[in-house]
Amino acid sequence: MILFLIACPFILSGCAGSSFFTTDINDRQIKKPVPKLNVVIMPKQHTDLSRYRALMIPVFMAGAQEQHWGQSVTNLVRSVVLQEGVFGTLELFPTNNPGDQEIMKQARDRGFDYLLEISMPPVIEPSGDSEGWVALHLQVISVDKGYSLWRIYGEAQLIPQPTLHCLMGQRAFVPAPSVGQGIVSITRQMAMVMRQ
């Protein structure tokens, strides 16, 4: 009996293959989400926005999403746009409640060139094996002329990764991309498109 217990791990490792017991879950590379973008409006010629000042309106959370969560999304999107160097200056407007004309007037009076508006449809969280998604609508509006220079819609799927199992028990799993990761990936893609 003792001989059988000693030989059991060697038998199992021979049946399962040598990499079965040596693969470390931490060695797996987490795949970054790749968003899908639809550019609805874009300038006829390249415009280097990094020379201009923009006023960002806090993200509007569509549907029944809690508006205080919009502040976190606003900060996340703003930090990515600043990191990517899309605009020379990007200041945040205190609220997204005033009418469009009032915001445009204040932006013009304060010397801004563009207005950055972003809205976020309701998030569908992944559940079990079901996919989820997060999306953003971005619009860059010329303060002087009042027309949209850019209008971009982006969405990222949030797909949970399955749990890994082995013969000796369950191993840790790599979590699915989060809503925040989806927002960052969409914003980075939008910034890349606007810088081209």
N, C-alpha and C. Protein backbone atom coordinates (compact mmCIF):
# COMPACT_ATOMS: atom_id res chain seq x y z
N MET A 1 0.82 -1.19 0.00
CA MET A 1 0.00 0.00 0.00
C MET A 1 0.87 1.26 0.00
N ILE A 2 1.91 1.27 0.82
CA ILE A 2 2.79 2.43 0.88
C ILE A 2 3.49 2.63 -0.45
N LEU A 3 3.90 1.54 -1.09
CA LEU A 3 4.55 1.63 -2.39
C LEU A 3 3.59 2.26 -3.42
N PHE A 4 2.30 1.90 -3.35
CA PHE A 4 1.30 2.46 -4.26
C PHE A 4 1.15 3.97 -4.06
N LEU A 5 1.11 4.43 -2.78
CA LEU A 5 0.97 5.86 -2.49
C LEU A 5 2.19 6.65 -2.96
N ILE A 6 3.37 6.04 -2.86
CA ILE A 6 4.58 6.71 -3.33
C ILE A 6 4.58 6.80 -4.86
N ALA A 7 4.12 5.75 -5.53
CA ALA A 7 4.14 5.70 -6.99
C ALA A 7 3.01 6.51 -7.62
N CYS A 8 1.94 6.78 -6.88
CA CYS A 8 0.74 7.45 -7.43
C CYS A 8 1.06 8.81 -8.09
N PRO A 9 1.82 9.72 -7.44
CA PRO A 9 2.11 11.00 -8.11
C PRO A 9 2.87 10.84 -9.42
N PHE A 10 3.78 9.85 -9.48
CA PHE A 10 4.54 9.63 -10.71
C PHE A 10 3.65 9.09 -11.81
N ILE A 11 2.71 8.22 -11.43
CA ILE A 11 1.79 7.66 -12.42
C ILE A 11 0.90 8.78 -12.97
N LEU A 12 0.36 9.60 -12.06
CA LEU A 12 -0.52 10.69 -12.50
C LEU A 12 0.22 11.70 -13.36
N SER A 13 1.47 12.02 -12.98
CA SER A 13 2.21 12.99 -13.78
C SER A 13 2.55 12.44 -15.15
N GLY A 14 2.78 11.14 -15.24
CA GLY A 14 3.04 10.53 -16.55
C GLY A 14 1.82 10.52 -17.42
N CYS A 15 0.64 10.34 -16.82
CA CYS A 15 -0.61 10.33 -17.60
C CYS A 15 -1.01 11.73 -18.05
N ALA A 16 -0.78 12.68 -17.19
CA ALA A 16 -1.25 14.03 -17.48
C ALA A 16 -0.27 14.85 -18.29
N GLY A 17 0.96 14.41 -18.37
CA GLY A 17 1.97 15.22 -19.06
C GLY A 17 2.73 16.05 -18.06
N SER A 18 3.98 16.32 -18.34
CA SER A 18 4.83 17.00 -17.36
C SER A 18 4.42 18.45 -17.12
N SER A 19 3.86 19.12 -18.10
CA SER A 19 3.51 20.53 -17.92
C SER A 19 2.24 20.72 -17.10
N PHE A 20 1.48 19.66 -16.89
CA PHE A 20 0.22 19.79 -16.17
C PHE A 20 0.44 20.27 -14.75
N PHE A 21 1.45 19.72 -14.07
CA PHE A 21 1.67 20.08 -12.68
C PHE A 21 2.64 21.24 -12.52
N THR A 22 3.33 21.64 -13.57
CA THR A 22 4.33 22.69 -13.44
C THR A 22 3.85 24.05 -13.97
N THR A 23 2.71 24.11 -14.61
CA THR A 23 2.22 25.39 -15.14
C THR A 23 1.73 26.26 -13.99
N ASP A 24 2.33 27.40 -13.85
CA ASP A 24 1.95 28.34 -12.79
C ASP A 24 0.88 29.27 -13.33
N ILE A 25 -0.18 29.44 -12.57
CA ILE A 25 -1.29 30.28 -13.01
C ILE A 25 -0.83 31.73 -13.20
N ASN A 26 0.20 32.15 -12.45
CA ASN A 26 0.69 33.53 -12.56
C ASN A 26 1.45 33.78 -13.85
N ASP A 27 1.85 32.71 -14.56
CA ASP A 27 2.57 32.88 -15.81
C ASP A 27 1.64 33.22 -16.97
N ARG A 28 0.35 33.04 -16.77
CA ARG A 28 -0.59 33.34 -17.85
C ARG A 28 -0.63 34.84 -18.10
N GLN A 29 -0.68 35.21 -19.34
CA GLN A 29 -0.78 36.62 -19.70
C GLN A 29 -2.25 37.00 -19.78
N ILE A 30 -2.62 38.04 -19.07
CA ILE A 30 -4.00 38.52 -19.15
C ILE A 30 -4.13 39.28 -20.46
N LYS A 31 -5.10 38.89 -21.25
CA LYS A 31 -5.31 39.57 -22.53
C LYS A 31 -6.04 40.87 -22.30
N LYS A 32 -5.52 41.94 -22.91
CA LYS A 32 -6.17 43.24 -22.80
C LYS A 32 -7.37 43.26 -23.73
N PRO A 33 -8.47 43.87 -23.27
CA PRO A 33 -9.62 43.94 -24.15
C PRO A 33 -9.33 44.83 -25.36
N VAL A 34 -9.83 44.43 -26.49
CA VAL A 34 -9.68 45.22 -27.72
C VAL A 34 -11.05 45.78 -28.06
N PRO A 35 -11.23 47.09 -27.94
CA PRO A 35 -12.56 47.66 -28.18
C PRO A 35 -12.88 47.77 -29.66
N LYS A 36 -14.16 47.86 -29.93
CA LYS A 36 -14.66 48.11 -31.29
C LYS A 36 -15.02 49.59 -31.35
N LEU A 37 -14.52 50.31 -32.35
CA LEU A 37 -14.82 51.73 -32.50
C LEU A 37 -15.59 52.00 -33.78
N ASN A 38 -16.54 52.90 -33.70
CA ASN A 38 -17.24 53.42 -34.86
C ASN A 38 -17.03 54.93 -34.88
N VAL A 39 -16.28 55.42 -35.86
CA VAL A 39 -16.05 56.86 -36.00
C VAL A 39 -17.17 57.39 -36.88
N VAL A 40 -18.05 58.19 -36.28
CA VAL A 40 -19.22 58.71 -36.98
C VAL A 40 -18.88 60.01 -37.70
N ILE A 41 -18.16 60.90 -37.02
CA ILE A 41 -17.75 62.18 -37.60
C ILE A 41 -16.26 62.35 -37.33
N MET A 42 -15.51 62.76 -38.35
CA MET A 42 -14.10 63.05 -38.18
C MET A 42 -13.73 64.22 -39.08
N PRO A 43 -12.65 64.95 -38.74
CA PRO A 43 -12.27 66.10 -39.57
C PRO A 43 -11.78 65.67 -40.94
N LYS A 44 -11.98 66.55 -41.94
CA LYS A 44 -11.54 66.25 -43.31
C LYS A 44 -10.03 66.20 -43.40
N GLN A 45 -9.36 66.98 -42.59
CA GLN A 45 -7.90 66.97 -42.58
C GLN A 45 -7.43 66.82 -41.14
N HIS A 46 -6.20 66.35 -40.97
CA HIS A 46 -5.65 66.12 -39.64
C HIS A 46 -5.62 67.42 -38.84
N THR A 47 -6.10 67.36 -37.62
CA THR A 47 -6.07 68.49 -36.71
C THR A 47 -5.29 68.07 -35.48
N ASP A 48 -4.17 68.72 -35.21
CA ASP A 48 -3.35 68.41 -34.04
C ASP A 48 -4.00 69.05 -32.82
N LEU A 49 -4.79 68.28 -32.09
CA LEU A 49 -5.51 68.80 -30.94
C LEU A 49 -4.59 69.10 -29.76
N SER A 50 -3.36 68.60 -29.79
CA SER A 50 -2.45 68.80 -28.66
C SER A 50 -2.03 70.27 -28.49
N ARG A 51 -2.36 71.11 -29.46
CA ARG A 51 -2.05 72.54 -29.37
C ARG A 51 -3.22 73.35 -28.82
N TYR A 52 -4.33 72.70 -28.53
CA TYR A 52 -5.55 73.41 -28.17
C TYR A 52 -5.99 73.12 -26.74
N ARG A 53 -6.86 74.01 -26.25
CA ARG A 53 -7.43 73.87 -24.91
C ARG A 53 -8.83 73.28 -25.03
N ALA A 54 -9.12 72.32 -24.15
CA ALA A 54 -10.44 71.69 -24.16
C ALA A 54 -11.05 71.71 -22.77
N LEU A 55 -12.36 71.84 -22.75
CA LEU A 55 -13.13 71.79 -21.51
C LEU A 55 -13.94 70.50 -21.54
N MET A 56 -13.73 69.65 -20.54
CA MET A 56 -14.42 68.35 -20.49
C MET A 56 -15.63 68.45 -19.57
N ILE A 57 -16.77 68.04 -20.10
CA ILE A 57 -17.99 67.97 -19.29
C ILE A 57 -17.97 66.61 -18.59
N PRO A 58 -18.31 66.53 -17.30
CA PRO A 58 -18.33 65.23 -16.63
C PRO A 58 -19.18 64.22 -17.39
N VAL A 59 -18.76 62.97 -17.35
CA VAL A 59 -19.42 61.90 -18.09
C VAL A 59 -20.88 61.79 -17.66
N PHE A 60 -21.76 61.75 -18.65
CA PHE A 60 -23.19 61.56 -18.39
C PHE A 60 -23.47 60.06 -18.37
N MET A 61 -24.02 59.58 -17.27
CA MET A 61 -24.33 58.16 -17.11
C MET A 61 -25.78 57.94 -17.53
N ALA A 62 -25.98 57.29 -18.67
CA ALA A 62 -27.33 57.06 -19.20
C ALA A 62 -28.03 55.95 -18.44
N GLY A 63 -29.35 55.96 -18.52
CA GLY A 63 -30.13 54.90 -17.88
C GLY A 63 -30.22 55.10 -16.38
N ALA A 64 -30.37 53.99 -15.68
CA ALA A 64 -30.57 54.04 -14.23
C ALA A 64 -29.25 53.93 -13.46
N GLN A 65 -28.12 54.21 -14.11
CA GLN A 65 -26.84 54.14 -13.43
C GLN A 65 -26.73 55.27 -12.41
N GLU A 66 -26.04 54.99 -11.34
CA GLU A 66 -25.88 56.00 -10.30
C GLU A 66 -24.95 57.10 -10.80
N GLN A 67 -25.41 58.34 -10.68
CA GLN A 67 -24.64 59.47 -11.21
C GLN A 67 -23.33 59.70 -10.46
N HIS A 68 -23.27 59.32 -9.16
CA HIS A 68 -22.00 59.53 -8.45
C HIS A 68 -20.91 58.62 -8.99
N TRP A 69 -21.29 57.51 -9.62
CA TRP A 69 -20.31 56.64 -10.26
C TRP A 69 -19.71 57.35 -11.47
N GLY A 70 -20.46 58.29 -12.02
CA GLY A 70 -19.99 59.07 -13.16
C GLY A 70 -18.72 59.86 -12.86
N GLN A 71 -18.55 60.28 -11.60
CA GLN A 71 -17.34 61.02 -11.24
C GLN A 71 -16.11 60.12 -11.37
N SER A 72 -16.23 58.86 -10.97
CA SER A 72 -15.10 57.92 -11.11
C SER A 72 -14.78 57.68 -12.58
N VAL A 73 -15.81 57.50 -13.39
CA VAL A 73 -15.61 57.29 -14.83
C VAL A 73 -14.99 58.55 -15.45
N THR A 74 -15.47 59.72 -15.04
CA THR A 74 -14.92 60.98 -15.54
C THR A 74 -13.43 61.09 -15.23
N ASN A 75 -13.05 60.80 -13.99
CA ASN A 75 -11.64 60.88 -13.60
C ASN A 75 -10.80 59.88 -14.38
N LEU A 76 -11.33 58.69 -14.60
CA LEU A 76 -10.60 57.66 -15.34
C LEU A 76 -10.39 58.07 -16.79
N VAL A 77 -11.46 58.52 -17.45
CA VAL A 77 -11.37 58.95 -18.85
C VAL A 77 -10.44 60.16 -18.98
N ARG A 78 -10.59 61.11 -18.08
CA ARG A 78 -9.75 62.33 -18.13
C ARG A 78 -8.27 61.98 -17.98
N SER A 79 -7.96 61.08 -17.05
CA SER A 79 -6.54 60.73 -16.84
C SER A 79 -5.96 60.04 -18.07
N VAL A 80 -6.74 59.20 -18.75
CA VAL A 80 -6.24 58.53 -19.95
C VAL A 80 -6.04 59.54 -21.08
N VAL A 81 -6.99 60.45 -21.27
CA VAL A 81 -6.87 61.47 -22.32
C VAL A 81 -5.64 62.35 -22.06
N LEU A 82 -5.39 62.69 -20.80
CA LEU A 82 -4.20 63.48 -20.46
C LEU A 82 -2.92 62.68 -20.70
N GLN A 83 -2.92 61.41 -20.31
CA GLN A 83 -1.74 60.56 -20.53
C GLN A 83 -1.41 60.43 -22.00
N GLU A 84 -2.44 60.34 -22.82
CA GLU A 84 -2.24 60.17 -24.26
C GLU A 84 -1.89 61.49 -24.97
N GLY A 85 -2.00 62.61 -24.27
CA GLY A 85 -1.62 63.90 -24.85
C GLY A 85 -2.49 64.36 -26.00
N VAL A 86 -3.78 64.06 -25.92
CA VAL A 86 -4.69 64.44 -27.01
C VAL A 86 -4.83 65.96 -27.08
N PHE A 87 -5.05 66.61 -25.93
CA PHE A 87 -5.21 68.06 -25.87
C PHE A 87 -4.04 68.69 -25.11
N GLY A 88 -3.74 69.95 -25.44
CA GLY A 88 -2.71 70.67 -24.71
C GLY A 88 -3.12 70.91 -23.27
N THR A 89 -4.37 71.32 -23.09
CA THR A 89 -4.95 71.55 -21.77
C THR A 89 -6.32 70.89 -21.74
N LEU A 90 -6.63 70.23 -20.65
CA LEU A 90 -7.94 69.59 -20.49
C LEU A 90 -8.44 69.89 -19.08
N GLU A 91 -9.36 70.85 -19.00
CA GLU A 91 -9.94 71.21 -17.70
C GLU A 91 -11.32 70.58 -17.59
N LEU A 92 -11.75 70.39 -16.35
CA LEU A 92 -13.02 69.73 -16.08
C LEU A 92 -14.07 70.75 -15.68
N PHE A 93 -15.21 70.72 -16.37
CA PHE A 93 -16.35 71.57 -16.02
C PHE A 93 -16.97 70.99 -14.75
N PRO A 94 -17.48 71.82 -13.84
CA PRO A 94 -17.95 71.29 -12.56
C PRO A 94 -19.19 70.40 -12.63
N THR A 95 -20.04 70.57 -13.64
CA THR A 95 -21.27 69.77 -13.69
C THR A 95 -21.66 69.49 -15.13
N ASN A 96 -22.49 68.47 -15.32
CA ASN A 96 -22.99 68.19 -16.67
C ASN A 96 -24.47 68.56 -16.79
N ASN A 97 -24.98 69.37 -15.86
CA ASN A 97 -26.40 69.73 -15.84
C ASN A 97 -26.79 70.94 -16.67
N PRO A 98 -25.95 72.00 -16.77
CA PRO A 98 -26.40 73.19 -17.51
C PRO A 98 -26.71 72.88 -18.97
N GLY A 99 -27.52 73.71 -19.59
CA GLY A 99 -27.86 73.53 -21.00
C GLY A 99 -26.64 73.70 -21.89
N ASP A 100 -26.71 73.14 -23.09
CA ASP A 100 -25.58 73.19 -24.02
C ASP A 100 -25.13 74.61 -24.32
N GLN A 101 -26.07 75.53 -24.48
CA GLN A 101 -25.72 76.91 -24.82
C GLN A 101 -24.95 77.58 -23.69
N GLU A 102 -25.34 77.29 -22.45
CA GLU A 102 -24.64 77.88 -21.30
C GLU A 102 -23.22 77.34 -21.19
N ILE A 103 -23.05 76.04 -21.41
CA ILE A 103 -21.71 75.45 -21.36
C ILE A 103 -20.85 76.02 -22.48
N MET A 104 -21.40 76.13 -23.68
CA MET A 104 -20.66 76.69 -24.82
C MET A 104 -20.24 78.13 -24.54
N LYS A 105 -21.15 78.90 -23.97
CA LYS A 105 -20.85 80.30 -23.66
C LYS A 105 -19.72 80.38 -22.64
N GLN A 106 -19.81 79.57 -21.58
CA GLN A 106 -18.76 79.59 -20.56
C GLN A 106 -17.42 79.13 -21.14
N ALA A 107 -17.45 78.10 -21.99
CA ALA A 107 -16.21 77.62 -22.62
C ALA A 107 -15.60 78.71 -23.49
N ARG A 108 -16.43 79.41 -24.25
CA ARG A 108 -15.95 80.50 -25.12
C ARG A 108 -15.39 81.64 -24.27
N ASP A 109 -16.11 82.02 -23.19
CA ASP A 109 -15.67 83.11 -22.32
C ASP A 109 -14.34 82.79 -21.63
N ARG A 110 -14.11 81.52 -21.35
CA ARG A 110 -12.88 81.11 -20.64
C ARG A 110 -11.73 80.78 -21.60
N GLY A 111 -11.96 80.96 -22.91
CA GLY A 111 -10.88 80.80 -23.89
C GLY A 111 -10.59 79.37 -24.32
N PHE A 112 -11.57 78.49 -24.22
CA PHE A 112 -11.36 77.11 -24.67
C PHE A 112 -11.65 76.99 -26.16
N ASP A 113 -10.94 76.08 -26.80
CA ASP A 113 -11.13 75.84 -28.23
C ASP A 113 -12.16 74.75 -28.50
N TYR A 114 -12.18 73.74 -27.63
CA TYR A 114 -13.05 72.58 -27.84
C TYR A 114 -13.76 72.19 -26.56
N LEU A 115 -14.89 71.54 -26.75
CA LEU A 115 -15.68 70.99 -25.67
C LEU A 115 -15.66 69.47 -25.83
N LEU A 116 -15.35 68.74 -24.77
CA LEU A 116 -15.32 67.28 -24.81
C LEU A 116 -16.50 66.74 -24.02
N GLU A 117 -17.43 66.09 -24.74
CA GLU A 117 -18.61 65.49 -24.10
C GLU A 117 -18.51 63.98 -24.20
N ILE A 118 -18.81 63.31 -23.10
CA ILE A 118 -18.78 61.84 -23.09
C ILE A 118 -20.01 61.35 -22.35
N SER A 119 -20.65 60.33 -22.91
CA SER A 119 -21.75 59.68 -22.21
C SER A 119 -21.49 58.18 -22.19
N MET A 120 -22.07 57.53 -21.20
CA MET A 120 -21.84 56.10 -21.03
C MET A 120 -23.18 55.38 -20.89
N PRO A 121 -23.52 54.51 -21.87
CA PRO A 121 -24.74 53.72 -21.75
C PRO A 121 -24.63 52.77 -20.56
N PRO A 122 -25.73 52.19 -20.12
CA PRO A 122 -25.66 51.25 -19.00
C PRO A 122 -24.69 50.10 -19.27
N VAL A 123 -23.95 49.73 -18.24
CA VAL A 123 -22.98 48.63 -18.33
C VAL A 123 -23.71 47.31 -18.17
N ILE A 124 -23.32 46.34 -18.98
CA ILE A 124 -23.83 44.98 -18.81
C ILE A 124 -22.68 44.17 -18.22
N GLU A 125 -22.80 43.81 -16.95
CA GLU A 125 -21.75 43.05 -16.27
C GLU A 125 -21.76 41.61 -16.76
N PRO A 126 -20.55 41.01 -16.94
CA PRO A 126 -20.52 39.59 -17.30
C PRO A 126 -21.00 38.76 -16.12
N SER A 127 -21.70 37.70 -16.42
CA SER A 127 -22.22 36.83 -15.38
C SER A 127 -22.03 35.38 -15.80
N GLY A 128 -21.27 34.63 -15.01
CA GLY A 128 -20.99 33.24 -15.38
C GLY A 128 -20.26 33.19 -16.70
N ASP A 129 -20.83 32.49 -17.66
CA ASP A 129 -20.22 32.40 -18.99
C ASP A 129 -20.80 33.43 -19.96
N SER A 130 -21.71 34.27 -19.49
CA SER A 130 -22.33 35.28 -20.35
C SER A 130 -21.42 36.49 -20.50
N GLU A 131 -21.36 37.01 -21.72
CA GLU A 131 -20.55 38.19 -22.00
C GLU A 131 -21.20 39.43 -21.41
N GLY A 132 -20.37 40.41 -21.15
CA GLY A 132 -20.85 41.72 -20.74
C GLY A 132 -20.23 42.75 -21.67
N TRP A 133 -20.60 44.01 -21.51
CA TRP A 133 -19.98 45.05 -22.32
C TRP A 133 -20.08 46.40 -21.64
N VAL A 134 -19.16 47.27 -22.02
CA VAL A 134 -19.14 48.65 -21.57
C VAL A 134 -18.91 49.50 -22.82
N ALA A 135 -19.53 50.68 -22.86
CA ALA A 135 -19.42 51.52 -24.06
C ALA A 135 -19.30 52.99 -23.66
N LEU A 136 -18.75 53.78 -24.57
CA LEU A 136 -18.65 55.23 -24.41
C LEU A 136 -19.00 55.92 -25.72
N HIS A 137 -19.69 57.06 -25.61
CA HIS A 137 -19.92 57.96 -26.74
C HIS A 137 -19.06 59.19 -26.47
N LEU A 138 -18.20 59.56 -27.41
CA LEU A 138 -17.32 60.72 -27.25
C LEU A 138 -17.62 61.72 -28.36
N GLN A 139 -17.63 63.00 -27.99
CA GLN A 139 -17.86 64.04 -28.98
C GLN A 139 -16.94 65.23 -28.67
N VAL A 140 -16.21 65.68 -29.68
CA VAL A 140 -15.37 66.87 -29.56
C VAL A 140 -16.05 67.96 -30.39
N ILE A 141 -16.42 69.06 -29.73
CA ILE A 141 -17.18 70.13 -30.38
C ILE A 141 -16.33 71.39 -30.44
N SER A 142 -16.29 72.03 -31.60
CA SER A 142 -15.60 73.31 -31.76
C SER A 142 -16.40 74.39 -31.04
N VAL A 143 -15.77 75.09 -30.12
CA VAL A 143 -16.46 76.13 -29.35
C VAL A 143 -16.80 77.31 -30.25
N ASP A 144 -15.90 77.69 -31.14
CA ASP A 144 -16.13 78.85 -32.02
C ASP A 144 -17.24 78.60 -33.03
N LYS A 145 -17.23 77.43 -33.65
CA LYS A 145 -18.17 77.16 -34.75
C LYS A 145 -19.38 76.35 -34.33
N GLY A 146 -19.32 75.67 -33.19
CA GLY A 146 -20.46 74.92 -32.68
C GLY A 146 -20.73 73.59 -33.35
N TYR A 147 -19.83 73.10 -34.19
CA TYR A 147 -20.06 71.80 -34.84
C TYR A 147 -19.15 70.74 -34.23
N SER A 148 -19.52 69.48 -34.47
CA SER A 148 -18.73 68.36 -33.96
C SER A 148 -17.53 68.11 -34.86
N LEU A 149 -16.35 68.11 -34.27
CA LEU A 149 -15.13 67.78 -34.99
C LEU A 149 -14.95 66.25 -35.01
N TRP A 150 -15.22 65.64 -33.88
CA TRP A 150 -15.15 64.18 -33.74
C TRP A 150 -16.42 63.69 -33.06
N ARG A 151 -16.90 62.55 -33.51
CA ARG A 151 -17.96 61.82 -32.80
C ARG A 151 -17.61 60.35 -32.94
N ILE A 152 -17.31 59.72 -31.80
CA ILE A 152 -16.84 58.34 -31.81
C ILE A 152 -17.64 57.53 -30.80
N TYR A 153 -18.02 56.32 -31.20
CA TYR A 153 -18.66 55.37 -30.30
C TYR A 153 -17.72 54.18 -30.15
N GLY A 154 -17.47 53.77 -28.92
CA GLY A 154 -16.61 52.61 -28.69
C GLY A 154 -17.22 51.68 -27.67
N GLU A 155 -17.01 50.39 -27.88
CA GLU A 155 -17.49 49.42 -26.90
C GLU A 155 -16.45 48.32 -26.73
N ALA A 156 -16.41 47.78 -25.52
CA ALA A 156 -15.50 46.67 -25.22
C ALA A 156 -16.30 45.56 -24.57
N GLN A 157 -16.06 44.35 -25.04
CA GLN A 157 -16.71 43.20 -24.41
C GLN A 157 -15.98 42.86 -23.12
N LEU A 158 -16.74 42.43 -22.15
CA LEU A 158 -16.19 41.97 -20.88
C LEU A 158 -16.48 40.48 -20.79
N ILE A 159 -15.48 39.67 -21.03
CA ILE A 159 -15.69 38.23 -21.11
C ILE A 159 -14.99 37.55 -19.94
N PRO A 160 -15.73 36.87 -19.08
CA PRO A 160 -15.09 36.15 -17.99
C PRO A 160 -14.25 35.00 -18.52
N GLN A 161 -13.11 34.74 -17.87
CA GLN A 161 -12.28 33.62 -18.26
C GLN A 161 -12.62 32.44 -17.35
N PRO A 162 -12.67 31.24 -17.91
CA PRO A 162 -13.07 30.09 -17.10
C PRO A 162 -12.05 29.77 -16.02
N THR A 163 -12.54 29.16 -14.95
CA THR A 163 -11.67 28.70 -13.87
C THR A 163 -10.88 27.50 -14.35
N LEU A 164 -9.61 27.41 -13.94
CA LEU A 164 -8.77 26.27 -14.29
C LEU A 164 -8.89 25.20 -13.22
N HIS A 165 -8.90 23.96 -13.65
CA HIS A 165 -8.98 22.83 -12.72
C HIS A 165 -7.79 21.92 -12.93
N CYS A 166 -7.43 21.17 -11.91
CA CYS A 166 -6.44 20.11 -12.05
C CYS A 166 -6.92 18.92 -11.25
N LEU A 167 -6.23 17.81 -11.36
CA LEU A 167 -6.67 16.60 -10.68
C LEU A 167 -6.65 16.74 -9.17
N MET A 168 -5.76 17.56 -8.65
CA MET A 168 -5.60 17.66 -7.21
C MET A 168 -6.49 18.74 -6.58
N GLY A 169 -7.23 19.47 -7.35
CA GLY A 169 -8.11 20.49 -6.81
C GLY A 169 -8.19 21.69 -7.73
N GLN A 170 -8.95 22.67 -7.30
CA GLN A 170 -9.18 23.85 -8.12
C GLN A 170 -8.07 24.86 -7.91
N ARG A 171 -7.60 25.45 -8.99
CA ARG A 171 -6.59 26.51 -8.92
C ARG A 171 -7.27 27.87 -9.00
N ALA A 172 -6.50 28.87 -8.68
CA ALA A 172 -7.01 30.24 -8.78
C ALA A 172 -7.31 30.57 -10.24
N PHE A 173 -8.19 31.51 -10.46
CA PHE A 173 -8.53 31.89 -11.83
C PHE A 173 -8.13 33.33 -12.08
N VAL A 174 -7.98 33.65 -13.35
CA VAL A 174 -7.67 35.02 -13.76
C VAL A 174 -8.99 35.74 -13.96
N PRO A 175 -9.22 36.85 -13.26
CA PRO A 175 -10.51 37.52 -13.39
C PRO A 175 -10.74 38.10 -14.78
N ALA A 176 -12.00 38.27 -15.10
CA ALA A 176 -12.37 38.87 -16.39
C ALA A 176 -11.96 40.33 -16.40
N PRO A 177 -11.80 40.90 -17.58
CA PRO A 177 -11.53 42.34 -17.63
C PRO A 177 -12.65 43.10 -16.91
N SER A 178 -12.28 44.10 -16.18
CA SER A 178 -13.25 44.87 -15.42
C SER A 178 -13.85 45.98 -16.27
N VAL A 179 -14.86 46.61 -15.72
CA VAL A 179 -15.47 47.76 -16.39
C VAL A 179 -14.42 48.85 -16.58
N GLY A 180 -13.60 49.07 -15.55
CA GLY A 180 -12.55 50.07 -15.65
C GLY A 180 -11.56 49.78 -16.76
N GLN A 181 -11.16 48.50 -16.90
CA GLN A 181 -10.25 48.13 -17.99
C GLN A 181 -10.90 48.37 -19.34
N GLY A 182 -12.20 48.10 -19.43
CA GLY A 182 -12.92 48.35 -20.68
C GLY A 182 -12.95 49.83 -21.02
N ILE A 183 -13.22 50.66 -20.01
CA ILE A 183 -13.27 52.11 -20.22
C ILE A 183 -11.90 52.63 -20.66
N VAL A 184 -10.85 52.16 -19.99
CA VAL A 184 -9.49 52.60 -20.35
C VAL A 184 -9.15 52.19 -21.77
N SER A 185 -9.48 50.94 -22.15
CA SER A 185 -9.14 50.48 -23.50
C SER A 185 -9.89 51.27 -24.57
N ILE A 186 -11.16 51.58 -24.32
CA ILE A 186 -11.95 52.37 -25.27
C ILE A 186 -11.36 53.78 -25.39
N THR A 187 -11.08 54.40 -24.25
CA THR A 187 -10.56 55.77 -24.26
C THR A 187 -9.20 55.84 -24.96
N ARG A 188 -8.33 54.85 -24.71
CA ARG A 188 -7.02 54.84 -25.38
C ARG A 188 -7.18 54.72 -26.89
N GLN A 189 -8.10 53.86 -27.35
CA GLN A 189 -8.32 53.71 -28.78
C GLN A 189 -8.86 55.01 -29.38
N MET A 190 -9.80 55.66 -28.68
CA MET A 190 -10.34 56.93 -29.17
C MET A 190 -9.24 57.98 -29.26
N ALA A 191 -8.38 58.04 -28.23
CA ALA A 191 -7.28 59.00 -28.22
C ALA A 191 -6.33 58.74 -29.39
N MET A 192 -6.06 57.46 -29.64
CA MET A 192 -5.16 57.11 -30.74
C MET A 192 -5.75 57.55 -32.08
N VAL A 193 -7.05 57.36 -32.26
CA VAL A 193 -7.71 57.76 -33.50
C VAL A 193 -7.63 59.28 -33.66
N MET A 194 -7.87 60.02 -32.59
CA MET A 194 -7.88 61.49 -32.69
C MET A 194 -6.48 62.06 -32.90
N ARG A 195 -5.43 61.33 -32.50
CA ARG A 195 -4.06 61.82 -32.68
C ARG A 195 -3.50 61.52 -34.06
N GLN A 196 -4.15 60.64 -34.82
CA GLN A 196 -3.63 60.26 -36.14
C GLN A 196 -3.71 61.39 -37.12
